[in-house]
PDB file of N, CA and C in Angstrom:
ATOM      1  N   MET A   1      64.269  24.362   4.655  1.00  0.00           N
ATOM      2  CA  MET A   1      64.060  25.741   5.058  1.00  0.00           C
ATOM      3  C   MET A   1      62.802  25.818   5.915  1.00  0.00           C
ATOM      4  N   PHE A   2      62.890  26.614   6.952  1.00  0.00           N
ATOM      5  CA  PHE A   2      61.774  26.760   7.878  1.00  0.00           C
ATOM      6  C   PHE A   2      61.083  28.100   7.653  1.00  0.00           C
ATOM      7  N   ARG A   3      59.863  28.216   8.177  1.00  0.00           N
ATOM      8  CA  ARG A   3      59.103  29.466   8.096  1.00  0.00           C
ATOM      9  C   ARG A   3      58.821  29.965   9.501  1.00  0.00           C
ATOM     10  N   GLU A   4      58.459  31.249   9.610  1.00  0.00           N
ATOM     11  CA  GLU A   4      58.097  31.795  10.911  1.00  0.00           C
ATOM     12  C   GLU A   4      56.943  30.988  11.500  1.00  0.00           C
ATOM     13  N   ASN A   5      57.008  30.788  12.807  1.00  0.00           N
ATOM     14  CA  ASN A   5      56.034  30.037  13.606  1.00  0.00           C
ATOM     15  C   ASN A   5      56.153  28.525  13.468  1.00  0.00           C
ATOM     16  N   ASP A   6      57.121  28.026  12.696  1.00  0.00           N
ATOM     17  CA  ASP A   6      57.362  26.585  12.649  1.00  0.00           C
ATOM     18  C   ASP A   6      57.930  26.117  13.980  1.00  0.00           C
ATOM     19  N   VAL A   7      57.518  24.936  14.403  1.00  0.00           N
ATOM     20  CA  VAL A   7      58.105  24.302  15.577  1.00  0.00           C
ATOM     21  C   VAL A   7      59.289  23.481  15.093  1.00  0.00           C
ATOM     22  N   VAL A   8      60.426  23.658  15.761  1.00  0.00           N
ATOM     23  CA  VAL A   8      61.664  22.980  15.384  1.00  0.00           C
ATOM     24  C   VAL A   8      62.275  22.296  16.604  1.00  0.00           C
ATOM     25  N   LYS A   9      63.203  21.376  16.359  1.00  0.00           N
ATOM     26  CA  LYS A   9      63.930  20.694  17.430  1.00  0.00           C
ATOM     27  C   LYS A   9      65.426  20.906  17.230  1.00  0.00           C
ATOM     28  N   LEU A  10      66.145  20.975  18.336  1.00  0.00           N
ATOM     29  CA  LEU A  10      67.605  21.078  18.289  1.00  0.00           C
ATOM     30  C   LEU A  10      68.218  19.742  17.876  1.00  0.00           C
ATOM     31  N   ARG A  11      69.184  19.805  16.983  1.00  0.00           N
ATOM     32  CA  ARG A  11      69.914  18.603  16.588  1.00  0.00           C
ATOM     33  C   ARG A  11      71.035  18.269  17.560  1.00  0.00           C
ATOM     34  N   HIS A  12      71.384  19.217  18.429  1.00  0.00           N
ATOM     35  CA  HIS A  12      72.464  19.026  19.404  1.00  0.00           C
ATOM     36  C   HIS A  12      72.140  19.856  20.637  1.00  0.00           C
ATOM     37  N   SER A  13      72.763  19.536  21.739  1.00  0.00           N
ATOM     38  CA  SER A  13      72.528  20.308  22.963  1.00  0.00           C
ATOM     39  C   SER A  13      73.256  21.655  22.887  1.00  0.00           C
ATOM     40  N   ILE A  14      72.746  22.627  23.640  1.00  0.00           N
ATOM     41  CA  ILE A  14      73.385  23.931  23.770  1.00  0.00           C
ATOM     42  C   ILE A  14      73.572  24.197  25.258  1.00  0.00           C
ATOM     43  N   GLU A  15      74.798  24.510  25.619  1.00  0.00           N
ATOM     44  CA  GLU A  15      75.149  24.721  27.020  1.00  0.00           C
ATOM     45  C   GLU A  15      75.137  26.210  27.365  1.00  0.00           C
ATOM     46  N   PRO A  16      74.972  26.550  28.652  1.00  0.00           N
ATOM     47  CA  PRO A  16      75.077  27.956  29.050  1.00  0.00           C
ATOM     48  C   PRO A  16      76.410  28.538  28.586  1.00  0.00           C
ATOM     49  N   GLY A  17      76.366  29.753  28.089  1.00  0.00           N
ATOM     50  CA  GLY A  17      77.576  30.395  27.605  1.00  0.00           C
ATOM     51  C   GLY A  17      77.832  30.173  26.134  1.00  0.00           C
ATOM     52  N   ASP A  18      76.964  29.417  25.451  1.00  0.00           N
ATOM     53  CA  ASP A  18      77.136  29.195  24.016  1.00  0.00           C
ATOM     54  C   ASP A  18      77.078  30.532  23.286  1.00  0.00           C
ATOM     55  N   GLU A  19      77.905  30.702  22.294  1.00  0.00           N
ATOM     56  CA  GLU A  19      78.024  31.979  21.586  1.00  0.00           C
ATOM     57  C   GLU A  19      76.808  32.331  20.749  1.00  0.00           C
ATOM     58  N   ASN A  20      75.871  31.402  20.527  1.00  0.00           N
ATOM     59  CA  ASN A  20      74.695  31.694  19.714  1.00  0.00           C
ATOM     60  C   ASN A  20      73.601  32.445  20.467  1.00  0.00           C
ATOM     61  N   ALA A  21      73.712  32.563  21.770  1.00  0.00           N
ATOM     62  CA  ALA A  21      72.637  33.152  22.555  1.00  0.00           C
ATOM     63  C   ALA A  21      72.581  34.663  22.413  1.00  0.00           C
ATOM     64  N   TRP A  22      71.371  35.201  22.477  1.00  0.00           N
ATOM     65  CA  TRP A  22      71.174  36.642  22.439  1.00  0.00           C
ATOM     66  C   TRP A  22      69.977  36.977  23.301  1.00  0.00           C
ATOM     67  N   PRO A  23      69.991  38.028  24.094  1.00  0.00           N
ATOM     68  CA  PRO A  23      71.095  38.955  24.304  1.00  0.00           C
ATOM     69  C   PRO A  23      72.115  38.416  25.283  1.00  0.00           C
ATOM     70  N   GLY A  24      71.778  37.337  25.940  1.00  0.00           N
ATOM     71  CA  GLY A  24      72.702  36.711  26.882  1.00  0.00           C
ATOM     72  C   GLY A  24      72.856  35.254  26.512  1.00  0.00           C
ATOM     73  N   THR A  25      72.822  34.416  27.485  1.00  0.00           N
ATOM     74  CA  THR A  25      72.972  32.993  27.245  1.00  0.00           C
ATOM     75  C   THR A  25      71.828  32.256  27.918  1.00  0.00           C
ATOM     76  N   PRO A  26      71.558  31.011  27.489  1.00  0.00           N
ATOM     77  CA  PRO A  26      70.540  30.241  28.197  1.00  0.00           C
ATOM     78  C   PRO A  26      70.930  30.106  29.664  1.00  0.00           C
ATOM     79  N   LEU A  27      69.955  30.126  30.537  1.00  0.00           N
ATOM     80  CA  LEU A  27      70.231  29.972  31.967  1.00  0.00           C
ATOM     81  C   LEU A  27      70.507  28.519  32.323  1.00  0.00           C
ATOM     82  N   GLN A  28      70.065  27.619  31.465  1.00  0.00           N
ATOM     83  CA  GLN A  28      70.298  26.205  31.687  1.00  0.00           C
ATOM     84  C   GLN A  28      70.567  25.539  30.350  1.00  0.00           C
ATOM     85  N   SER A  29      71.036  24.328  30.393  1.00  0.00           N
ATOM     86  CA  SER A  29      71.293  23.593  29.152  1.00  0.00           C
ATOM     87  C   SER A  29      69.997  23.357  28.396  1.00  0.00           C
ATOM     88  N   LEU A  30      70.102  23.380  27.080  1.00  0.00           N
ATOM     89  CA  LEU A  30      68.996  22.957  26.225  1.00  0.00           C
ATOM     90  C   LEU A  30      69.438  21.643  25.589  1.00  0.00           C
ATOM     91  N   PRO A  31      68.816  20.525  25.970  1.00  0.00           N
ATOM     92  CA  PRO A  31      69.266  19.241  25.445  1.00  0.00           C
ATOM     93  C   PRO A  31      68.879  19.039  23.985  1.00  0.00           C
ATOM     94  N   GLN A  32      69.583  18.148  23.342  1.00  0.00           N
ATOM     95  CA  GLN A  32      69.230  17.755  21.985  1.00  0.00           C
ATOM     96  C   GLN A  32      67.761  17.355  21.974  1.00  0.00           C
ATOM     97  N   GLY A  33      67.026  17.793  20.966  1.00  0.00           N
ATOM     98  CA  GLY A  33      65.606  17.478  20.871  1.00  0.00           C
ATOM     99  C   GLY A  33      64.702  18.519  21.489  1.00  0.00           C
ATOM    100  N   SER A  34      65.276  19.531  22.155  1.00  0.00           N
ATOM    101  CA  SER A  34      64.455  20.611  22.716  1.00  0.00           C
ATOM    102  C   SER A  34      63.663  21.270  21.605  1.00  0.00           C
ATOM    103  N   ARG A  35      62.400  21.562  21.893  1.00  0.00           N
ATOM    104  CA  ARG A  35      61.533  22.177  20.885  1.00  0.00           C
ATOM    105  C   ARG A  35      61.449  23.676  21.094  1.00  0.00           C
ATOM    106  N   GLY A  36      61.445  24.381  19.976  1.00  0.00           N
ATOM    107  CA  GLY A  36      61.320  25.827  19.989  1.00  0.00           C
ATOM    108  C   GLY A  36      60.485  26.278  18.804  1.00  0.00           C
ATOM    109  N   THR A  37      60.221  27.578  18.740  1.00  0.00           N
ATOM    110  CA  THR A  37      59.435  28.162  17.663  1.00  0.00           C
ATOM    111  C   THR A  37      60.266  29.194  16.922  1.00  0.00           C
ATOM    112  N   VAL A  38      60.256  29.126  15.598  1.00  0.00           N
ATOM    113  CA  VAL A  38      60.940  30.125  14.780  1.00  0.00           C
ATOM    114  C   VAL A  38      60.151  31.428  14.875  1.00  0.00           C
ATOM    115  N   VAL A  39      60.797  32.491  15.368  1.00  0.00           N
ATOM    116  CA  VAL A  39      60.117  33.770  15.517  1.00  0.00           C
ATOM    117  C   VAL A  39      60.589  34.811  14.511  1.00  0.00           C
ATOM    118  N   MET A  40      61.719  34.558  13.854  1.00  0.00           N
ATOM    119  CA  MET A  40      62.221  35.473  12.832  1.00  0.00           C
ATOM    120  C   MET A  40      63.207  34.729  11.945  1.00  0.00           C
ATOM    121  N   ILE A  41      63.262  35.153  10.697  1.00  0.00           N
ATOM    122  CA  ILE A  41      64.207  34.565   9.742  1.00  0.00           C
ATOM    123  C   ILE A  41      65.107  35.667   9.223  1.00  0.00           C
ATOM    124  N   TYR A  42      66.412  35.399   9.242  1.00  0.00           N
ATOM    125  CA  TYR A  42      67.406  36.316   8.686  1.00  0.00           C
ATOM    126  C   TYR A  42      67.912  35.687   7.397  1.00  0.00           C
ATOM    127  N   ASN A  43      67.672  36.349   6.286  1.00  0.00           N
ATOM    128  CA  ASN A  43      68.073  35.823   4.992  1.00  0.00           C
ATOM    129  C   ASN A  43      69.007  36.828   4.336  1.00  0.00           C
ATOM    130  N   GLU A  44      70.295  36.688   4.615  1.00  0.00           N
ATOM    131  CA  GLU A  44      71.302  37.612   4.114  1.00  0.00           C
ATOM    132  C   GLU A  44      72.233  36.883   3.165  1.00  0.00           C
ATOM    133  N   ALA A  45      72.248  37.310   1.920  1.00  0.00           N
ATOM    134  CA  ALA A  45      73.118  36.725   0.894  1.00  0.00           C
ATOM    135  C   ALA A  45      72.907  35.215   0.851  1.00  0.00           C
ATOM    136  N   GLU A  46      73.957  34.449   1.109  1.00  0.00           N
ATOM    137  CA  GLU A  46      73.856  32.990   1.041  1.00  0.00           C
ATOM    138  C   GLU A  46      73.583  32.357   2.399  1.00  0.00           C
ATOM    139  N   THR A  47      73.516  33.170   3.443  1.00  0.00           N
ATOM    140  CA  THR A  47      73.329  32.651   4.786  1.00  0.00           C
ATOM    141  C   THR A  47      71.900  32.869   5.256  1.00  0.00           C
ATOM    142  N   VAL A  48      71.302  31.811   5.776  1.00  0.00           N
ATOM    143  CA  VAL A  48      69.979  31.902   6.381  1.00  0.00           C
ATOM    144  C   VAL A  48      70.124  31.508   7.842  1.00  0.00           C
ATOM    145  N   ALA A  49      69.578  32.328   8.723  1.00  0.00           N
ATOM    146  CA  ALA A  49      69.604  32.026  10.158  1.00  0.00           C
ATOM    147  C   ALA A  49      68.200  32.211  10.714  1.00  0.00           C
ATOM    148  N   TYR A  50      67.946  31.564  11.835  1.00  0.00           N
ATOM    149  CA  TYR A  50      66.622  31.567  12.438  1.00  0.00           C
ATOM    150  C   TYR A  50      66.721  32.012  13.890  1.00  0.00           C
ATOM    151  N   GLU A  51      65.854  32.924  14.275  1.00  0.00           N
ATOM    152  CA  GLU A  51      65.715  33.302  15.680  1.00  0.00           C
ATOM    153  C   GLU A  51      64.683  32.336  16.258  1.00  0.00           C
ATOM    154  N   VAL A  52      65.101  31.546  17.241  1.00  0.00           N
ATOM    155  CA  VAL A  52      64.239  30.504  17.790  1.00  0.00           C
ATOM    156  C   VAL A  52      64.047  30.743  19.278  1.00  0.00           C
ATOM    157  N   GLU A  53      62.788  30.733  19.706  1.00  0.00           N
ATOM    158  CA  GLU A  53      62.458  30.909  21.121  1.00  0.00           C
ATOM    159  C   GLU A  53      62.137  29.546  21.733  1.00  0.00           C
ATOM    160  N   PHE A  54      62.796  29.271  22.855  1.00  0.00           N
ATOM    161  CA  PHE A  54      62.551  28.057  23.630  1.00  0.00           C
ATOM    162  C   PHE A  54      61.839  28.473  24.909  1.00  0.00           C
ATOM    163  N   VAL A  55      60.678  27.877  25.164  1.00  0.00           N
ATOM    164  CA  VAL A  55      59.814  28.307  26.258  1.00  0.00           C
ATOM    165  C   VAL A  55      59.634  27.177  27.258  1.00  0.00           C
ATOM    166  N   ALA A  56      59.641  27.537  28.543  1.00  0.00           N
ATOM    167  CA  ALA A  56      59.404  26.575  29.620  1.00  0.00           C
ATOM    168  C   ALA A  56      57.910  26.226  29.672  1.00  0.00           C
ATOM    169  N   PRO A  57      57.562  25.104  30.289  1.00  0.00           N
ATOM    170  CA  PRO A  57      56.147  24.709  30.371  1.00  0.00           C
ATOM    171  C   PRO A  57      55.243  25.776  31.002  1.00  0.00           C
ATOM    172  N   HIS A  58      55.784  26.584  31.901  1.00  0.00           N
ATOM    173  CA  HIS A  58      54.962  27.614  32.546  1.00  0.00           C
ATOM    174  C   HIS A  58      54.890  28.906  31.726  1.00  0.00           C
ATOM    175  N   GLY A  59      55.535  28.924  30.540  1.00  0.00           N
ATOM    176  CA  GLY A  59      55.390  30.044  29.621  1.00  0.00           C
ATOM    177  C   GLY A  59      56.529  31.038  29.566  1.00  0.00           C
ATOM    178  N   ALA A  60      57.489  30.945  30.460  1.00  0.00           N
ATOM    179  CA  ALA A  60      58.625  31.875  30.451  1.00  0.00           C
ATOM    180  C   ALA A  60      59.636  31.451  29.386  1.00  0.00           C
ATOM    181  N   THR A  61      60.285  32.429  28.767  1.00  0.00           N
ATOM    182  CA  THR A  61      61.300  32.134  27.765  1.00  0.00           C
ATOM    183  C   THR A  61      62.554  31.588  28.435  1.00  0.00           C
ATOM    184  N   ASN A  62      62.990  30.404  28.009  1.00  0.00           N
ATOM    185  CA  ASN A  62      64.241  29.821  28.497  1.00  0.00           C
ATOM    186  C   ASN A  62      65.425  30.371  27.724  1.00  0.00           C
ATOM    187  N   ALA A  63      65.246  30.558  26.419  1.00  0.00           N
ATOM    188  CA  ALA A  63      66.340  31.030  25.573  1.00  0.00           C
ATOM    189  C   ALA A  63      65.767  31.582  24.280  1.00  0.00           C
ATOM    190  N   LEU A  64      66.468  32.563  23.742  1.00  0.00           N
ATOM    191  CA  LEU A  64      66.178  33.121  22.430  1.00  0.00           C
ATOM    192  C   LEU A  64      67.495  33.076  21.676  1.00  0.00           C
ATOM    193  N   LEU A  65      67.589  32.176  20.694  1.00  0.00           N
ATOM    194  CA  LEU A  65      68.860  31.891  20.043  1.00  0.00           C
ATOM    195  C   LEU A  65      68.783  32.116  18.542  1.00  0.00           C
ATOM    196  N   THR A  66      69.886  32.550  17.971  1.00  0.00           N
ATOM    197  CA  THR A  66      70.028  32.634  16.521  1.00  0.00           C
ATOM    198  C   THR A  66      70.771  31.389  16.069  1.00  0.00           C
ATOM    199  N   LEU A  67      70.097  30.574  15.263  1.00  0.00           N
ATOM    200  CA  LEU A  67      70.619  29.279  14.867  1.00  0.00           C
ATOM    201  C   LEU A  67      70.550  29.118  13.351  1.00  0.00           C
ATOM    202  N   THR A  68      71.324  28.190  12.824  1.00  0.00           N
ATOM    203  CA  THR A  68      71.279  27.905  11.398  1.00  0.00           C
ATOM    204  C   THR A  68      70.487  26.618  11.150  1.00  0.00           C
ATOM    205  N   GLU A  69      70.229  26.337   9.890  1.00  0.00           N
ATOM    206  CA  GLU A  69      69.480  25.154   9.525  1.00  0.00           C
ATOM    207  C   GLU A  69      70.198  23.875   9.975  1.00  0.00           C
ATOM    208  N   GLU A  70      71.519  23.930  10.049  1.00  0.00           N
ATOM    209  CA  GLU A  70      72.289  22.768  10.502  1.00  0.00           C
ATOM    210  C   GLU A  70      72.028  22.446  11.975  1.00  0.00           C
ATOM    211  N   ASP A  71      71.561  23.428  12.735  1.00  0.00           N
ATOM    212  CA  ASP A  71      71.277  23.232  14.159  1.00  0.00           C
ATOM    213  C   ASP A  71      69.896  22.661  14.411  1.00  0.00           C
ATOM    214  N   LEU A  72      69.022  22.689  13.398  1.00  0.00           N
ATOM    215  CA  LEU A  72      67.599  22.432  13.605  1.00  0.00           C
ATOM    216  C   LEU A  72      67.069  21.326  12.709  1.00  0.00           C
ATOM    217  N   GLU A  73      65.960  20.740  13.159  1.00  0.00           N
ATOM    218  CA  GLU A  73      65.183  19.812  12.332  1.00  0.00           C
ATOM    219  C   GLU A  73      63.708  20.076  12.607  1.00  0.00           C
ATOM    220  N   ALA A  74      62.862  19.616  11.732  1.00  0.00           N
ATOM    221  CA  ALA A  74      61.424  19.823  11.911  1.00  0.00           C
ATOM    222  C   ALA A  74      60.982  19.194  13.223  1.00  0.00           C
ATOM    223  N   GLY A  75      60.107  19.900  13.931  1.00  0.00           N
ATOM    224  CA  GLY A  75      59.708  19.460  15.253  1.00  0.00           C
ATOM    225  C   GLY A  75      58.338  18.915  15.297  1.00  0.00           C
TER     226      GLY A  75
END
């Protein structure tokens, strides 16, 4: 289980148009191993999901995705 502000890595790549993206989709692929920061945790019943922000080196957000623990590993 992760906490807010934890740095995490993707266990798999995410392509543009992936259904996990909000409010839209990533503008580019996020390769396996991409690092992001947990910005919110959704803990509903038996399901836990994480809002993870992926940021470009210049500081702009590349993607804001809702992911599960199966998608992530400690970064």
